[in-house]
N, C-alpha and C. Protein backbone atom coordinates (compact mmCIF):
# COMPACT_ATOMS: atom_id res chain seq x y z
N MET A 1 135.94 -5.01 -64.79
CA MET A 1 135.69 -4.90 -66.21
C MET A 1 136.06 -3.50 -66.68
N LYS A 2 136.74 -3.46 -67.79
CA LYS A 2 137.20 -2.18 -68.28
C LYS A 2 136.64 -1.91 -69.67
N GLY A 3 136.50 -0.64 -69.95
CA GLY A 3 136.09 -0.23 -71.28
C GLY A 3 134.59 -0.28 -71.50
N ILE A 4 134.22 0.02 -72.72
CA ILE A 4 132.82 0.06 -73.10
C ILE A 4 132.19 -1.33 -73.03
N LYS A 5 132.93 -2.35 -73.44
CA LYS A 5 132.40 -3.71 -73.40
C LYS A 5 132.04 -4.13 -71.98
N GLY A 6 132.88 -3.78 -71.02
CA GLY A 6 132.60 -4.12 -69.63
C GLY A 6 131.38 -3.39 -69.10
N ILE A 7 131.26 -2.11 -69.46
CA ILE A 7 130.11 -1.33 -69.01
C ILE A 7 128.82 -1.88 -69.62
N LEU A 8 128.85 -2.17 -70.92
CA LEU A 8 127.66 -2.71 -71.57
C LEU A 8 127.27 -4.08 -71.00
N THR A 9 128.27 -4.90 -70.71
CA THR A 9 128.00 -6.21 -70.11
C THR A 9 127.34 -6.05 -68.75
N MET A 10 127.84 -5.13 -67.95
CA MET A 10 127.26 -4.91 -66.63
C MET A 10 125.84 -4.37 -66.72
N VAL A 11 125.61 -3.41 -67.60
CA VAL A 11 124.27 -2.84 -67.75
C VAL A 11 123.29 -3.91 -68.26
N LEU A 12 123.70 -4.69 -69.23
CA LEU A 12 122.82 -5.75 -69.74
C LEU A 12 122.53 -6.80 -68.67
N ALA A 13 123.52 -7.11 -67.85
CA ALA A 13 123.31 -8.08 -66.77
C ALA A 13 122.28 -7.55 -65.77
N TYR A 14 122.37 -6.27 -65.43
CA TYR A 14 121.41 -5.68 -64.49
C TYR A 14 120.03 -5.56 -65.12
N LEU A 15 119.96 -5.28 -66.42
CA LEU A 15 118.66 -5.25 -67.10
C LEU A 15 118.01 -6.63 -67.09
N LEU A 16 118.81 -7.65 -67.37
CA LEU A 16 118.29 -9.01 -67.33
C LEU A 16 117.85 -9.39 -65.92
N LEU A 17 118.62 -8.98 -64.94
CA LEU A 17 118.24 -9.21 -63.55
C LEU A 17 116.91 -8.54 -63.22
N GLY A 18 116.70 -7.32 -63.72
CA GLY A 18 115.45 -6.62 -63.50
C GLY A 18 114.27 -7.33 -64.15
N VAL A 19 114.46 -7.83 -65.37
CA VAL A 19 113.39 -8.55 -66.07
C VAL A 19 113.04 -9.83 -65.32
N VAL A 20 114.05 -10.59 -64.96
CA VAL A 20 113.81 -11.87 -64.27
C VAL A 20 113.15 -11.64 -62.92
N SER A 21 113.62 -10.66 -62.17
CA SER A 21 113.01 -10.41 -60.86
C SER A 21 111.59 -9.88 -61.00
N GLY A 22 111.29 -9.11 -62.04
CA GLY A 22 109.92 -8.66 -62.28
C GLY A 22 108.98 -9.81 -62.60
N VAL A 23 109.45 -10.74 -63.40
CA VAL A 23 108.64 -11.92 -63.74
C VAL A 23 108.41 -12.77 -62.50
N ILE A 24 109.46 -13.02 -61.73
CA ILE A 24 109.32 -13.82 -60.51
C ILE A 24 108.38 -13.15 -59.53
N PHE A 25 108.49 -11.83 -59.39
CA PHE A 25 107.63 -11.09 -58.47
C PHE A 25 106.17 -11.20 -58.90
N SER A 26 105.89 -11.06 -60.19
CA SER A 26 104.51 -11.14 -60.65
C SER A 26 103.95 -12.55 -60.50
N ILE A 27 104.76 -13.56 -60.71
CA ILE A 27 104.29 -14.93 -60.53
C ILE A 27 104.08 -15.22 -59.05
N PHE A 28 104.97 -14.73 -58.19
CA PHE A 28 104.87 -14.97 -56.76
C PHE A 28 103.58 -14.39 -56.18
N PHE A 29 103.17 -13.21 -56.66
CA PHE A 29 101.96 -12.57 -56.16
C PHE A 29 100.74 -12.83 -57.05
N PHE A 30 100.88 -13.77 -58.00
CA PHE A 30 99.77 -14.17 -58.88
C PHE A 30 99.14 -12.99 -59.60
N ARG A 31 99.96 -12.05 -60.05
CA ARG A 31 99.47 -10.89 -60.78
C ARG A 31 100.08 -10.87 -62.18
N ILE A 32 99.73 -11.85 -62.97
CA ILE A 32 100.28 -11.97 -64.31
C ILE A 32 99.81 -10.81 -65.19
N ASP A 33 98.65 -10.23 -64.87
CA ASP A 33 98.13 -9.13 -65.68
C ASP A 33 98.97 -7.86 -65.55
N PHE A 34 99.75 -7.71 -64.48
CA PHE A 34 100.59 -6.53 -64.28
C PHE A 34 102.07 -6.85 -64.48
N ILE A 35 102.37 -7.87 -65.26
CA ILE A 35 103.75 -8.31 -65.42
C ILE A 35 104.64 -7.21 -66.03
N ILE A 36 104.11 -6.44 -66.97
CA ILE A 36 104.90 -5.37 -67.59
C ILE A 36 105.25 -4.30 -66.56
N ASN A 37 104.30 -3.96 -65.68
CA ASN A 37 104.56 -2.97 -64.64
C ASN A 37 105.64 -3.45 -63.68
N TYR A 38 105.57 -4.71 -63.27
CA TYR A 38 106.57 -5.24 -62.36
C TYR A 38 107.94 -5.29 -63.02
N ILE A 39 107.98 -5.65 -64.29
CA ILE A 39 109.26 -5.69 -65.00
C ILE A 39 109.85 -4.29 -65.08
N PHE A 40 109.02 -3.29 -65.42
CA PHE A 40 109.51 -1.91 -65.52
C PHE A 40 110.04 -1.42 -64.18
N ILE A 41 109.31 -1.68 -63.10
CA ILE A 41 109.74 -1.24 -61.78
C ILE A 41 111.02 -1.96 -61.36
N SER A 42 111.12 -3.24 -61.67
CA SER A 42 112.32 -4.00 -61.31
C SER A 42 113.54 -3.52 -62.10
N ILE A 43 113.35 -3.22 -63.37
CA ILE A 43 114.46 -2.71 -64.18
C ILE A 43 114.89 -1.35 -63.65
N LEU A 44 113.94 -0.50 -63.33
CA LEU A 44 114.26 0.82 -62.78
C LEU A 44 115.03 0.69 -61.47
N GLY A 45 114.58 -0.21 -60.60
CA GLY A 45 115.27 -0.44 -59.34
C GLY A 45 116.68 -0.98 -59.54
N ALA A 46 116.85 -1.89 -60.49
CA ALA A 46 118.17 -2.45 -60.77
C ALA A 46 119.12 -1.38 -61.31
N MET A 47 118.62 -0.50 -62.16
CA MET A 47 119.47 0.56 -62.72
C MET A 47 119.85 1.59 -61.64
N ILE A 48 118.92 1.90 -60.76
CA ILE A 48 119.23 2.82 -59.65
C ILE A 48 120.27 2.20 -58.74
N PHE A 49 120.11 0.91 -58.45
CA PHE A 49 121.08 0.20 -57.62
C PHE A 49 122.46 0.20 -58.29
N LEU A 50 122.51 -0.06 -59.59
CA LEU A 50 123.77 -0.07 -60.32
C LEU A 50 124.43 1.31 -60.27
N PHE A 51 123.65 2.36 -60.44
CA PHE A 51 124.18 3.71 -60.39
C PHE A 51 124.84 3.99 -59.04
N PHE A 52 124.12 3.71 -57.95
CA PHE A 52 124.68 3.98 -56.63
C PHE A 52 125.86 3.06 -56.32
N GLN A 53 125.83 1.85 -56.81
CA GLN A 53 126.94 0.94 -56.61
C GLN A 53 128.21 1.49 -57.28
N ILE A 54 128.07 2.01 -58.49
CA ILE A 54 129.22 2.58 -59.19
C ILE A 54 129.70 3.84 -58.50
N VAL A 55 128.78 4.69 -58.05
CA VAL A 55 129.16 5.92 -57.36
C VAL A 55 129.91 5.60 -56.07
N PHE A 56 129.39 4.68 -55.27
CA PHE A 56 130.06 4.32 -54.02
C PHE A 56 131.40 3.65 -54.28
N GLN A 57 131.47 2.80 -55.28
CA GLN A 57 132.72 2.13 -55.61
C GLN A 57 133.76 3.16 -56.03
N PHE A 58 133.39 4.12 -56.84
CA PHE A 58 134.30 5.17 -57.27
C PHE A 58 134.72 6.03 -56.07
N GLY A 59 133.76 6.35 -55.20
CA GLY A 59 134.06 7.16 -54.02
C GLY A 59 135.00 6.47 -53.06
N PHE A 60 134.77 5.20 -52.80
CA PHE A 60 135.65 4.45 -51.90
C PHE A 60 137.03 4.25 -52.52
N TYR A 61 137.08 4.11 -53.83
CA TYR A 61 138.37 3.97 -54.51
C TYR A 61 139.19 5.25 -54.36
N LYS A 62 138.54 6.39 -54.53
CA LYS A 62 139.24 7.68 -54.38
C LYS A 62 139.62 7.91 -52.91
N LEU A 63 138.78 7.48 -51.99
CA LEU A 63 139.05 7.65 -50.57
C LEU A 63 140.23 6.79 -50.13
N ALA A 64 140.38 5.63 -50.71
CA ALA A 64 141.45 4.71 -50.33
C ALA A 64 142.82 5.18 -50.83
N LYS A 65 142.83 6.00 -51.85
CA LYS A 65 144.12 6.47 -52.39
C LYS A 65 144.74 7.49 -51.55
């Protein structure tokens, strides 16, 4: 994906993944009262993963050249 549209699409996809995984995690552990905390932690984890994925992808691309 190239350009701003590609970046925004990827970030939104990872944000949605974080929300969905937070909801699933809270339902799995029967902690509906902490659903916002699980969603926040899942979104944070997804964004950190996306950051490192982009850094490693850029690094390996430069290394391959």
